[in-house]
PDB file of N, CA and C in Angstrom:
ATOM      1  N   MET A   1       0.853  -1.187   0.000  1.00  0.00           N
ATOM      2  CA  MET A   1       0.000   0.000   0.000  1.00  0.00           C
ATOM      3  C   MET A   1       0.893   1.244   0.000  1.00  0.00           C
ATOM      4  N   ASP A   2       0.560   2.198  -0.801  1.00  0.00           N
ATOM      5  CA  ASP A   2       1.276   3.459  -0.886  1.00  0.00           C
ATOM      6  C   ASP A   2       1.257   4.142   0.476  1.00  0.00           C
ATOM      7  N   LYS A   3       2.443   4.616   0.921  1.00  0.00           N
ATOM      8  CA  LYS A   3       2.503   5.190   2.271  1.00  0.00           C
ATOM      9  C   LYS A   3       1.595   6.409   2.417  1.00  0.00           C
ATOM     10  N   ASN A   4       1.385   7.164   1.346  1.00  0.00           N
ATOM     11  CA  ASN A   4       0.484   8.312   1.445  1.00  0.00           C
ATOM     12  C   ASN A   4      -0.943   7.865   1.741  1.00  0.00           C
ATOM     13  N   ARG A   5      -1.324   6.729   1.195  1.00  0.00           N
ATOM     14  CA  ARG A   5      -2.659   6.184   1.481  1.00  0.00           C
ATOM     15  C   ARG A   5      -2.750   5.739   2.937  1.00  0.00           C
ATOM     16  N   VAL A   6      -1.672   5.171   3.450  1.00  0.00           N
ATOM     17  CA  VAL A   6      -1.653   4.738   4.851  1.00  0.00           C
ATOM     18  C   VAL A   6      -1.872   5.940   5.765  1.00  0.00           C
ATOM     19  N   PHE A   7      -1.200   7.036   5.489  1.00  0.00           N
ATOM     20  CA  PHE A   7      -1.307   8.221   6.337  1.00  0.00           C
ATOM     21  C   PHE A   7      -2.713   8.819   6.298  1.00  0.00           C
ATOM     22  N   GLY A   8      -3.458   8.547   5.231  1.00  0.00           N
ATOM     23  CA  GLY A   8      -4.807   9.075   5.090  1.00  0.00           C
ATOM     24  C   GLY A   8      -5.873   8.247   5.806  1.00  0.00           C
ATOM     25  N   ILE A   9      -5.477   7.089   6.335  1.00  0.00           N
ATOM     26  CA  ILE A   9      -6.440   6.245   7.065  1.00  0.00           C
ATOM     27  C   ILE A   9      -6.812   6.955   8.359  1.00  0.00           C
ATOM     28  N   LYS A  10      -8.076   6.910   8.692  1.00  0.00           N
ATOM     29  CA  LYS A  10      -8.551   7.566   9.909  1.00  0.00           C
ATOM     30  C   LYS A  10      -8.116   6.769  11.139  1.00  0.00           C
ATOM     31  N   PHE A  11      -7.580   7.500  12.128  1.00  0.00           N
ATOM     32  CA  PHE A  11      -7.170   6.851  13.368  1.00  0.00           C
ATOM     33  C   PHE A  11      -8.353   6.131  14.010  1.00  0.00           C
ATOM     34  N   ALA A  12      -9.541   6.710  13.878  1.00  0.00           N
ATOM     35  CA  ALA A  12     -10.749   6.103  14.455  1.00  0.00           C
ATOM     36  C   ALA A  12     -11.050   4.736  13.844  1.00  0.00           C
ATOM     37  N   LYS A  13     -10.533   4.454  12.659  1.00  0.00           N
ATOM     38  CA  LYS A  13     -10.721   3.143  12.031  1.00  0.00           C
ATOM     39  C   LYS A  13      -9.672   2.139  12.517  1.00  0.00           C
ATOM     40  N   VAL A  14      -8.474   2.628  12.838  1.00  0.00           N
ATOM     41  CA  VAL A  14      -7.379   1.765  13.268  1.00  0.00           C
ATOM     42  C   VAL A  14      -7.486   1.444  14.759  1.00  0.00           C
ATOM     43  N   TYR A  15      -7.911   2.408  15.532  1.00  0.00           N
ATOM     44  CA  TYR A  15      -7.969   2.262  16.987  1.00  0.00           C
ATOM     45  C   TYR A  15      -8.744   1.014  17.433  1.00  0.00           C
ATOM     46  N   PRO A  16      -9.967   0.770  16.920  1.00  0.00           N
ATOM     47  CA  PRO A  16     -10.682  -0.437  17.374  1.00  0.00           C
ATOM     48  C   PRO A  16      -9.947  -1.728  17.012  1.00  0.00           C
ATOM     49  N   LEU A  17      -9.164  -1.698  15.949  1.00  0.00           N
ATOM     50  CA  LEU A  17      -8.391  -2.883  15.573  1.00  0.00           C
ATOM     51  C   LEU A  17      -7.294  -3.155  16.596  1.00  0.00           C
ATOM     52  N   TYR A  18      -6.665  -2.096  17.089  1.00  0.00           N
ATOM     53  CA  TYR A  18      -5.667  -2.240  18.157  1.00  0.00           C
ATOM     54  C   TYR A  18      -6.320  -2.834  19.403  1.00  0.00           C
ATOM     55  N   VAL A  19      -7.489  -2.306  19.767  1.00  0.00           N
ATOM     56  CA  VAL A  19      -8.200  -2.784  20.950  1.00  0.00           C
ATOM     57  C   VAL A  19      -8.595  -4.253  20.780  1.00  0.00           C
ATOM     58  N   GLN A  20      -9.129  -4.603  19.608  1.00  0.00           N
ATOM     59  CA  GLN A  20      -9.521  -5.998  19.353  1.00  0.00           C
ATOM     60  C   GLN A  20      -8.331  -6.941  19.449  1.00  0.00           C
ATOM     61  N   LYS A  21      -7.208  -6.526  18.883  1.00  0.00           N
ATOM     62  CA  LYS A  21      -6.007  -7.360  18.921  1.00  0.00           C
ATOM     63  C   LYS A  21      -5.590  -7.610  20.366  1.00  0.00           C
ATOM     64  N   ALA A  22      -5.615  -6.560  21.182  1.00  0.00           N
ATOM     65  CA  ALA A  22      -5.234  -6.686  22.590  1.00  0.00           C
ATOM     66  C   ALA A  22      -6.233  -7.566  23.351  1.00  0.00           C
ATOM     67  N   GLU A  23      -7.515  -7.327  23.134  1.00  0.00           N
ATOM     68  CA  GLU A  23      -8.544  -8.061  23.872  1.00  0.00           C
ATOM     69  C   GLU A  23      -8.566  -9.550  23.509  1.00  0.00           C
ATOM     70  N   ARG A  24      -8.225  -9.875  22.267  1.00  0.00           N
ATOM     71  CA  ARG A  24      -8.140 -11.292  21.872  1.00  0.00           C
ATOM     72  C   ARG A  24      -7.070 -12.022  22.685  1.00  0.00           C
ATOM     73  N   LYS A  25      -6.096 -11.275  23.178  1.00  0.00           N
ATOM     74  CA  LYS A  25      -5.002 -11.855  23.963  1.00  0.00           C
ATOM     75  C   LYS A  25      -5.160 -11.537  25.457  1.00  0.00           C
ATOM     76  N   ASN A  26      -6.401 -11.268  25.868  1.00  0.00           N
ATOM     77  CA  ASN A  26      -6.732 -11.003  27.273  1.00  0.00           C
ATOM     78  C   ASN A  26      -6.042  -9.770  27.847  1.00  0.00           C
ATOM     79  N   ARG A  27      -5.823  -8.777  27.005  1.00  0.00           N
ATOM     80  CA  ARG A  27      -5.332  -7.472  27.459  1.00  0.00           C
ATOM     81  C   ARG A  27      -6.518  -6.514  27.371  1.00  0.00           C
ATOM     82  N   THR A  28      -6.343  -5.281  27.844  1.00  0.00           N
ATOM     83  CA  THR A  28      -7.491  -4.382  27.959  1.00  0.00           C
ATOM     84  C   THR A  28      -7.373  -3.144  27.080  1.00  0.00           C
ATOM     85  N   LYS A  29      -8.524  -2.527  26.849  1.00  0.00           N
ATOM     86  CA  LYS A  29      -8.591  -1.250  26.140  1.00  0.00           C
ATOM     87  C   LYS A  29      -7.793  -0.199  26.904  1.00  0.00           C
ATOM     88  N   GLU A  30      -7.849  -0.250  28.235  1.00  0.00           N
ATOM     89  CA  GLU A  30      -7.117   0.715  29.059  1.00  0.00           C
ATOM     90  C   GLU A  30      -5.610   0.600  28.829  1.00  0.00           C
ATOM     91  N   GLU A  31      -5.118  -0.621  28.645  1.00  0.00           N
ATOM     92  CA  GLU A  31      -3.694  -0.802  28.363  1.00  0.00           C
ATOM     93  C   GLU A  31      -3.349  -0.244  26.979  1.00  0.00           C
ATOM     94  N   VAL A  32      -4.215  -0.445  26.006  1.00  0.00           N
ATOM     95  CA  VAL A  32      -4.006   0.119  24.665  1.00  0.00           C
ATOM     96  C   VAL A  32      -3.948   1.644  24.773  1.00  0.00           C
ATOM     97  N   ASP A  33      -4.915   2.229  25.500  1.00  0.00           N
ATOM     98  CA  ASP A  33      -4.934   3.686  25.686  1.00  0.00           C
ATOM     99  C   ASP A  33      -3.659   4.170  26.366  1.00  0.00           C
ATOM    100  N   GLN A  34      -3.215   3.434  27.386  1.00  0.00           N
ATOM    101  CA  GLN A  34      -2.005   3.813  28.109  1.00  0.00           C
ATOM    102  C   GLN A  34      -0.797   3.841  27.173  1.00  0.00           C
ATOM    103  N   ILE A  35      -0.696   2.847  26.318  1.00  0.00           N
ATOM    104  CA  ILE A  35       0.414   2.775  25.359  1.00  0.00           C
ATOM    105  C   ILE A  35       0.347   3.926  24.363  1.00  0.00           C
ATOM    106  N   ILE A  36      -0.834   4.176  23.819  1.00  0.00           N
ATOM    107  CA  ILE A  36      -0.983   5.260  22.838  1.00  0.00           C
ATOM    108  C   ILE A  36      -0.657   6.603  23.490  1.00  0.00           C
ATOM    109  N   CYS A  37      -1.155   6.818  24.694  1.00  0.00           N
ATOM    110  CA  CYS A  37      -0.892   8.086  25.390  1.00  0.00           C
ATOM    111  C   CYS A  37       0.582   8.236  25.733  1.00  0.00           C
ATOM    112  N   TRP A  38       1.226   7.149  26.127  1.00  0.00           N
ATOM    113  CA  TRP A  38       2.656   7.199  26.440  1.00  0.00           C
ATOM    114  C   TRP A  38       3.458   7.601  25.200  1.00  0.00           C
ATOM    115  N   LEU A  39       3.156   6.960  24.076  1.00  0.00           N
ATOM    116  CA  LEU A  39       3.919   7.217  22.850  1.00  0.00           C
ATOM    117  C   LEU A  39       3.684   8.631  22.320  1.00  0.00           C
ATOM    118  N   THR A  40       2.431   9.082  22.330  1.00  0.00           N
ATOM    119  CA  THR A  40       2.072  10.324  21.637  1.00  0.00           C
ATOM    120  C   THR A  40       1.994  11.553  22.534  1.00  0.00           C
ATOM    121  N   GLY A  41       1.872  11.346  23.838  1.00  0.00           N
ATOM    122  CA  GLY A  41       1.728  12.482  24.741  1.00  0.00           C
ATOM    123  C   GLY A  41       0.288  12.929  24.950  1.00  0.00           C
ATOM    124  N   TYR A  42      -0.655  12.304  24.260  1.00  0.00           N
ATOM    125  CA  TYR A  42      -2.066  12.642  24.474  1.00  0.00           C
ATOM    126  C   TYR A  42      -2.477  12.217  25.872  1.00  0.00           C
ATOM    127  N   ASP A  43      -3.400  12.970  26.474  1.00  0.00           N
ATOM    128  CA  ASP A  43      -4.066  12.473  27.668  1.00  0.00           C
ATOM    129  C   ASP A  43      -5.322  11.743  27.196  1.00  0.00           C
ATOM    130  N   LYS A  44      -6.075  11.167  28.137  1.00  0.00           N
ATOM    131  CA  LYS A  44      -7.260  10.389  27.734  1.00  0.00           C
ATOM    132  C   LYS A  44      -8.273  11.245  26.981  1.00  0.00           C
ATOM    133  N   ALA A  45      -8.456  12.483  27.422  1.00  0.00           N
ATOM    134  CA  ALA A  45      -9.407  13.376  26.750  1.00  0.00           C
ATOM    135  C   ALA A  45      -8.933  13.707  25.337  1.00  0.00           C
ATOM    136  N   GLY A  46      -7.641  13.944  25.180  1.00  0.00           N
ATOM    137  CA  GLY A  46      -7.086  14.246  23.862  1.00  0.00           C
ATOM    138  C   GLY A  46      -7.203  13.063  22.906  1.00  0.00           C
ATOM    139  N   LEU A  47      -6.972  11.870  23.433  1.00  0.00           N
ATOM    140  CA  LEU A  47      -7.111  10.664  22.622  1.00  0.00           C
ATOM    141  C   LEU A  47      -8.566  10.495  22.184  1.00  0.00           C
ATOM    142  N   LYS A  48      -9.475  10.677  23.107  1.00  0.00           N
ATOM    143  CA  LYS A  48     -10.906  10.559  22.790  1.00  0.00           C
ATOM    144  C   LYS A  48     -11.306  11.584  21.728  1.00  0.00           C
ATOM    145  N   ARG A  49     -10.787  12.801  21.851  1.00  0.00           N
ATOM    146  CA  ARG A  49     -11.090  13.863  20.883  1.00  0.00           C
ATOM    147  C   ARG A  49     -10.589  13.492  19.491  1.00  0.00           C
ATOM    148  N   GLN A  50      -9.393  12.930  19.419  1.00  0.00           N
ATOM    149  CA  GLN A  50      -8.847  12.513  18.114  1.00  0.00           C
ATOM    150  C   GLN A  50      -9.738  11.465  17.459  1.00  0.00           C
ATOM    151  N   ILE A  51     -10.235  10.540  18.257  1.00  0.00           N
ATOM    152  CA  ILE A  51     -11.122   9.493  17.723  1.00  0.00           C
ATOM    153  C   ILE A  51     -12.434  10.108  17.248  1.00  0.00           C
ATOM    154  N   GLU A  52     -13.005  10.991  18.059  1.00  0.00           N
ATOM    155  CA  GLU A  52     -14.280  11.627  17.703  1.00  0.00           C
ATOM    156  C   GLU A  52     -14.155  12.505  16.464  1.00  0.00           C
ATOM    157  N   GLN A  53     -13.023  13.179  16.304  1.00  0.00           N
ATOM    158  CA  GLN A  53     -12.823  14.063  15.150  1.00  0.00           C
ATOM    159  C   GLN A  53     -12.497  13.283  13.888  1.00  0.00           C
ATOM    160  N   GLU A  54     -12.236  12.004  14.040  1.00  0.00           N
ATOM    161  CA  GLU A  54     -11.904  11.132  12.913  1.00  0.00           C
ATOM    162  C   GLU A  54     -10.750  11.673  12.071  1.00  0.00           C
ATOM    163  N   ASN A  55      -9.716  12.141  12.767  1.00  0.00           N
ATOM    164  CA  ASN A  55      -8.522  12.617  12.071  1.00  0.00           C
ATOM    165  C   ASN A  55      -7.776  11.444  11.455  1.00  0.00           C
ATOM    166  N   ASP A  56      -7.098  11.727  10.340  1.00  0.00           N
ATOM    167  CA  ASP A  56      -6.290  10.689   9.723  1.00  0.00           C
ATOM    168  C   ASP A  56      -5.008  10.492  10.535  1.00  0.00           C
ATOM    169  N   LEU A  57      -4.250   9.446  10.199  1.00  0.00           N
ATOM    170  CA  LEU A  57      -3.042   9.134  10.965  1.00  0.00           C
ATOM    171  C   LEU A  57      -2.015  10.255  10.896  1.00  0.00           C
ATOM    172  N   GLU A  58      -1.906  10.901   9.759  1.00  0.00           N
ATOM    173  CA  GLU A  58      -0.955  12.003   9.630  1.00  0.00           C
ATOM    174  C   GLU A  58      -1.309  13.125  10.596  1.00  0.00           C
ATOM    175  N   THR A  59      -2.583  13.495  10.651  1.00  0.00           N
ATOM    176  CA  THR A  59      -3.042  14.549  11.562  1.00  0.00           C
ATOM    177  C   THR A  59      -2.923  14.099  13.008  1.00  0.00           C
ATOM    178  N   PHE A  60      -3.270  12.851  13.276  1.00  0.00           N
ATOM    179  CA  PHE A  60      -3.171  12.298  14.625  1.00  0.00           C
ATOM    180  C   PHE A  60      -1.765  12.487  15.188  1.00  0.00           C
ATOM    181  N   PHE A  61      -0.758  12.128  14.412  1.00  0.00           N
ATOM    182  CA  PHE A  61       0.618  12.268  14.891  1.00  0.00           C
ATOM    183  C   PHE A  61       1.083  13.724  14.857  1.00  0.00           C
ATOM    184  N   ALA A  62       0.643  14.490  13.865  1.00  0.00           N
ATOM    185  CA  ALA A  62       1.036  15.904  13.762  1.00  0.00           C
ATOM    186  C   ALA A  62       0.512  16.708  14.950  1.00  0.00           C
ATOM    187  N   GLN A  63      -0.677  16.366  15.429  1.00  0.00           N
ATOM    188  CA  GLN A  63      -1.279  17.107  16.540  1.00  0.00           C
ATOM    189  C   GLN A  63      -0.898  16.548  17.908  1.00  0.00           C
ATOM    190  N   SER A  64      -0.136  15.483  17.926  1.00  0.00           N
ATOM    191  CA  SER A  64       0.226  14.886  19.216  1.00  0.00           C
ATOM    192  C   SER A  64       1.089  15.862  20.011  1.00  0.00           C
ATOM    193  N   PRO A  65       0.889  15.895  21.327  1.00  0.00           N
ATOM    194  CA  PRO A  65       1.676  16.801  22.169  1.00  0.00           C
ATOM    195  C   PRO A  65       3.175  16.551  22.077  1.00  0.00           C
ATOM    196  N   GLY A  66       3.574  15.337  21.790  1.00  0.00           N
ATOM    197  CA  GLY A  66       5.003  15.047  21.644  1.00  0.00           C
ATOM    198  C   GLY A  66       5.278  13.568  21.774  1.00  0.00           C
ATOM    199  N   ILE A  67       6.081  13.052  20.887  1.00  0.00           N
ATOM    200  CA  ILE A  67       6.458  11.642  20.935  1.00  0.00           C
ATOM    201  C   ILE A  67       7.416  11.445  22.111  1.00  0.00           C
ATOM    202  N   HIS A  68       7.187  10.393  22.870  1.00  0.00           N
ATOM    203  CA  HIS A  68       7.984  10.126  24.072  1.00  0.00           C
ATOM    204  C   HIS A  68       9.454   9.980  23.712  1.00  0.00           C
ATOM    205  N   PRO A  69      10.342  10.607  24.495  1.00  0.00           N
ATOM    206  CA  PRO A  69      11.777  10.525  24.180  1.00  0.00           C
ATOM    207  C   PRO A  69      12.324   9.091  24.210  1.00  0.00           C
ATOM    208  N   ASN A  70      11.715   8.216  24.990  1.00  0.00           N
ATOM    209  CA  ASN A  70      12.182   6.831  25.042  1.00  0.00           C
ATOM    210  C   ASN A  70      11.697   5.994  23.859  1.00  0.00           C
ATOM    211  N   SER A  71      10.951   6.606  22.936  1.00  0.00           N
ATOM    212  CA  SER A  71      10.486   5.847  21.769  1.00  0.00           C
ATOM    213  C   SER A  71      11.663   5.351  20.936  1.00  0.00           C
ATOM    214  N   ALA A  72      12.808   6.021  21.039  1.00  0.00           N
ATOM    215  CA  ALA A  72      14.001   5.584  20.308  1.00  0.00           C
ATOM    216  C   ALA A  72      14.486   4.216  20.802  1.00  0.00           C
ATOM    217  N   LEU A  73      14.006   3.803  21.973  1.00  0.00           N
ATOM    218  CA  LEU A  73      14.384   2.492  22.512  1.00  0.00           C
ATOM    219  C   LEU A  73      13.539   1.359  21.927  1.00  0.00           C
ATOM    220  N   ILE A  74      12.517   1.702  21.147  1.00  0.00           N
ATOM    221  CA  ILE A  74      11.652   0.688  20.536  1.00  0.00           C
ATOM    222  C   ILE A  74      12.405   0.077  19.361  1.00  0.00           C
ATOM    223  N   LYS A  75      12.618  -1.216  19.439  1.00  0.00           N
ATOM    224  CA  LYS A  75      13.363  -1.919  18.395  1.00  0.00           C
ATOM    225  C   LYS A  75      12.607  -3.191  18.038  1.00  0.00           C
ATOM    226  N   GLY A  76      12.837  -3.667  16.853  1.00  0.00           N
ATOM    227  CA  GLY A  76      12.220  -4.922  16.434  1.00  0.00           C
ATOM    228  C   GLY A  76      11.629  -4.821  15.047  1.00  0.00           C
ATOM    229  N   VAL A  77      10.900  -5.877  14.681  1.00  0.00           N
ATOM    230  CA  VAL A  77      10.377  -6.001  13.329  1.00  0.00           C
ATOM    231  C   VAL A  77       8.848  -5.963  13.349  1.00  0.00           C
ATOM    232  N   VAL A  78       8.286  -5.159  12.457  1.00  0.00           N
ATOM    233  CA  VAL A  78       6.839  -5.113  12.232  1.00  0.00           C
ATOM    234  C   VAL A  78       6.634  -5.230  10.730  1.00  0.00           C
ATOM    235  N   CYS A  79       5.829  -6.181  10.328  1.00  0.00           N
ATOM    236  CA  CYS A  79       5.560  -6.403   8.895  1.00  0.00           C
ATOM    237  C   CYS A  79       6.852  -6.579   8.103  1.00  0.00           C
ATOM    238  N   GLY A  80       7.814  -7.254   8.693  1.00  0.00           N
ATOM    239  CA  GLY A  80       9.063  -7.528   8.007  1.00  0.00           C
ATOM    240  C   GLY A  80      10.025  -6.360   7.911  1.00  0.00           C
ATOM    241  N   VAL A  81       9.733  -5.267   8.612  1.00  0.00           N
ATOM    242  CA  VAL A  81      10.575  -4.069   8.560  1.00  0.00           C
ATOM    243  C   VAL A  81      11.064  -3.737   9.964  1.00  0.00           C
ATOM    244  N   ARG A  82      12.354  -3.494  10.115  1.00  0.00           N
ATOM    245  CA  ARG A  82      12.900  -3.089  11.417  1.00  0.00           C
ATOM    246  C   ARG A  82      12.465  -1.652  11.697  1.00  0.00           C
ATOM    247  N   VAL A  83      11.781  -1.438  12.826  1.00  0.00           N
ATOM    248  CA  VAL A  83      11.228  -0.116  13.119  1.00  0.00           C
ATOM    249  C   VAL A  83      12.318   0.935  13.282  1.00  0.00           C
ATOM    250  N   GLU A  84      13.471   0.550  13.792  1.00  0.00           N
ATOM    251  CA  GLU A  84      14.548   1.522  13.997  1.00  0.00           C
ATOM    252  C   GLU A  84      15.207   1.951  12.692  1.00  0.00           C
ATOM    253  N   GLU A  85      14.912   1.255  11.585  1.00  0.00           N
ATOM    254  CA  GLU A  85      15.513   1.589  10.298  1.00  0.00           C
ATOM    255  C   GLU A  85      14.551   2.303   9.349  1.00  0.00           C
ATOM    256  N   VAL A  86      13.320   2.541   9.771  1.00  0.00           N
ATOM    257  CA  VAL A  86      12.345   3.232   8.925  1.00  0.00           C
ATOM    258  C   VAL A  86      12.791   4.684   8.775  1.00  0.00           C
ATOM    259  N   GLU A  87      12.928   5.143   7.530  1.00  0.00           N
ATOM    260  CA  GLU A  87      13.475   6.479   7.280  1.00  0.00           C
ATOM    261  C   GLU A  87      12.441   7.591   7.417  1.00  0.00           C
ATOM    262  N   ASP A  88      11.225   7.357   6.958  1.00  0.00           N
ATOM    263  CA  ASP A  88      10.191   8.386   7.032  1.00  0.00           C
ATOM    264  C   ASP A  88       9.755   8.550   8.490  1.00  0.00           C
ATOM    265  N   PRO A  89       9.902   9.749   9.067  1.00  0.00           N
ATOM    266  CA  PRO A  89       9.582   9.946  10.492  1.00  0.00           C
ATOM    267  C   PRO A  89       8.132   9.599  10.853  1.00  0.00           C
ATOM    268  N   LEU A  90       7.195   9.927   9.983  1.00  0.00           N
ATOM    269  CA  LEU A  90       5.798   9.627  10.268  1.00  0.00           C
ATOM    270  C   LEU A  90       5.544   8.121  10.212  1.00  0.00           C
ATOM    271  N   MET A  91       6.095   7.461   9.213  1.00  0.00           N
ATOM    272  CA  MET A  91       5.941   6.011   9.112  1.00  0.00           C
ATOM    273  C   MET A  91       6.598   5.330  10.308  1.00  0.00           C
ATOM    274  N   GLN A  92       7.718   5.866  10.770  1.00  0.00           N
ATOM    275  CA  GLN A  92       8.392   5.280  11.922  1.00  0.00           C
ATOM    276  C   GLN A  92       7.509   5.380  13.177  1.00  0.00           C
ATOM    277  N   LYS A  93       6.843   6.505  13.376  1.00  0.00           N
ATOM    278  CA  LYS A  93       5.943   6.651  14.526  1.00  0.00           C
ATOM    279  C   LYS A  93       4.805   5.643  14.445  1.00  0.00           C
ATOM    280  N   LEU A  94       4.282   5.460  13.264  1.00  0.00           N
ATOM    281  CA  LEU A  94       3.203   4.494  13.070  1.00  0.00           C
ATOM    282  C   LEU A  94       3.702   3.076  13.349  1.00  0.00           C
ATOM    283  N   ARG A  95       4.889   2.761  12.897  1.00  0.00           N
ATOM    284  CA  ARG A  95       5.483   1.434  13.146  1.00  0.00           C
ATOM    285  C   ARG A  95       5.778   1.250  14.640  1.00  0.00           C
ATOM    286  N   TYR A  96       6.214   2.322  15.312  1.00  0.00           N
ATOM    287  CA  TYR A  96       6.415   2.244  16.766  1.00  0.00           C
ATOM    288  C   TYR A  96       5.116   1.825  17.445  1.00  0.00           C
ATOM    289  N   LEU A  97       4.025   2.468  17.067  1.00  0.00           N
ATOM    290  CA  LEU A  97       2.733   2.158  17.675  1.00  0.00           C
ATOM    291  C   LEU A  97       2.338   0.710  17.376  1.00  0.00           C
ATOM    292  N   ASP A  98       2.519   0.276  16.145  1.00  0.00           N
ATOM    293  CA  ASP A  98       2.223  -1.109  15.787  1.00  0.00           C
ATOM    294  C   ASP A  98       3.051  -2.077  16.638  1.00  0.00           C
ATOM    295  N   LYS A  99       4.320  -1.776  16.802  1.00  0.00           N
ATOM    296  CA  LYS A  99       5.224  -2.640  17.565  1.00  0.00           C
ATOM    297  C   LYS A  99       4.793  -2.719  19.029  1.00  0.00           C
ATOM    298  N   LEU A 100       4.423  -1.588  19.615  1.00  0.00           N
ATOM    299  CA  LEU A 100       4.002  -1.580  21.012  1.00  0.00           C
ATOM    300  C   LEU A 100       2.729  -2.404  21.213  1.00  0.00           C
ATOM    301  N   ILE A 101       1.782  -2.275  20.299  1.00  0.00           N
ATOM    302  CA  ILE A 101       0.543  -3.054  20.392  1.00  0.00           C
ATOM    303  C   ILE A 101       0.846  -4.541  20.202  1.00  0.00           C
ATOM    304  N   ASP A 102       1.765  -4.874  19.305  1.00  0.00           N
ATOM    305  CA  ASP A 102       2.181  -6.271  19.136  1.00  0.00           C
ATOM    306  C   ASP A 102       2.766  -6.822  20.441  1.00  0.00           C
ATOM    307  N   GLU A 103       3.610  -6.028  21.089  1.00  0.00           N
ATOM    308  CA  GLU A 103       4.217  -6.466  22.344  1.00  0.00           C
ATOM    309  C   GLU A 103       3.143  -6.693  23.408  1.00  0.00           C
ATOM    310  N   LEU A 104       2.155  -5.815  23.460  1.00  0.00           N
ATOM    311  CA  LEU A 104       1.051  -5.973  24.408  1.00  0.00           C
ATOM    312  C   LEU A 104       0.322  -7.292  24.138  1.00  0.00           C
ATOM    313  N   ALA A 105       0.009  -7.547  22.872  1.00  0.00           N
ATOM    314  CA  ALA A 105      -0.720  -8.754  22.496  1.00  0.00           C
ATOM    315  C   ALA A 105       0.092 -10.024  22.758  1.00  0.00           C
ATOM    316  N   LYS A 106       1.399  -9.892  22.765  1.00  0.00           N
ATOM    317  CA  LYS A 106       2.253 -11.058  23.021  1.00  0.00           C
ATOM    318  C   LYS A 106       2.469 -11.289  24.517  1.00  0.00           C
ATOM    319  N   GLY A 107       1.858 -10.452  25.364  1.00  0.00           N
ATOM    320  CA  GLY A 107       1.917 -10.692  26.799  1.00  0.00           C
ATOM    321  C   GLY A 107       3.045 -10.007  27.538  1.00  0.00           C
ATOM    322  N   LYS A 108       3.749  -9.110  26.878  1.00  0.00           N
ATOM    323  CA  LYS A 108       4.846  -8.413  27.531  1.00  0.00           C
ATOM    324  C   LYS A 108       4.311  -7.499  28.634  1.00  0.00           C
ATOM    325  N   ALA A 109       5.046  -7.365  29.715  1.00  0.00           N
ATOM    326  CA  ALA A 109       4.638  -6.516  30.838  1.00  0.00           C
ATOM    327  C   ALA A 109       4.581  -5.056  30.390  1.00  0.00           C
ATOM    328  N   ILE A 110       3.572  -4.338  30.868  1.00  0.00           N
ATOM    329  CA  ILE A 110       3.354  -2.945  30.451  1.00  0.00           C
ATOM    330  C   ILE A 110       4.569  -2.066  30.771  1.00  0.00           C
ATOM    331  N   GLU A 111       5.254  -2.322  31.875  1.00  0.00           N
ATOM    332  CA  GLU A 111       6.441  -1.528  32.245  1.00  0.00           C
ATOM    333  C   GLU A 111       7.539  -1.682  31.191  1.00  0.00           C
ATOM    334  N   LYS A 112       7.670  -2.881  30.656  1.00  0.00           N
ATOM    335  CA  LYS A 112       8.690  -3.114  29.615  1.00  0.00           C
ATOM    336  C   LYS A 112       8.250  -2.500  28.291  1.00  0.00           C
ATOM    337  N   ILE A 113       6.965  -2.595  27.990  1.00  0.00           N
ATOM    338  CA  ILE A 113       6.451  -2.003  26.748  1.00  0.00           C
ATOM    339  C   ILE A 113       6.714  -0.505  26.752  1.00  0.00           C
ATOM    340  N   LEU A 114       6.509   0.136  27.907  1.00  0.00           N
ATOM    341  CA  LEU A 114       6.670   1.584  28.016  1.00  0.00           C
ATOM    342  C   LEU A 114       8.122   1.990  28.257  1.00  0.00           C
ATOM    343  N   ARG A 115       9.021   1.053  28.121  1.00  0.00           N
ATOM    344  CA  ARG A 115      10.466   1.328  28.203  1.00  0.00           C
ATOM    345  C   ARG A 115      10.796   2.080  29.499  1.00  0.00           C
ATOM    346  N   GLN A 116      10.270   1.566  30.631  1.00  0.00           N
ATOM    347  CA  GLN A 116      10.531   2.229  31.919  1.00  0.00           C
ATOM    348  C   GLN A 116      11.611   1.505  32.677  1.00  0.00           C
TER     349      GLN A 116
END
């Protein structure tokens, strides 16, 4: 899929997929929210507003209060691509989020997911 098309996907469409993936593995929506807020700097109200406004992924990340400084510690492979080697900054943020949700679904402790 063309990366420009990916950035145009509404966050409100992707968010329930993250929640479903986590819940299938006996994790919670609250943990998904915690991960998203940690990575992006949104508080719960800001995250809810982004979902309600149906902003696309590009806008979602552009309006985020700030990507967590420890996000550089996120390493690994998502969809066959090493997240630390993704050159496009926006695509890298999206891959970081995918990687964190994958770690949650695989049962990793939330403290380790949040690089604390």
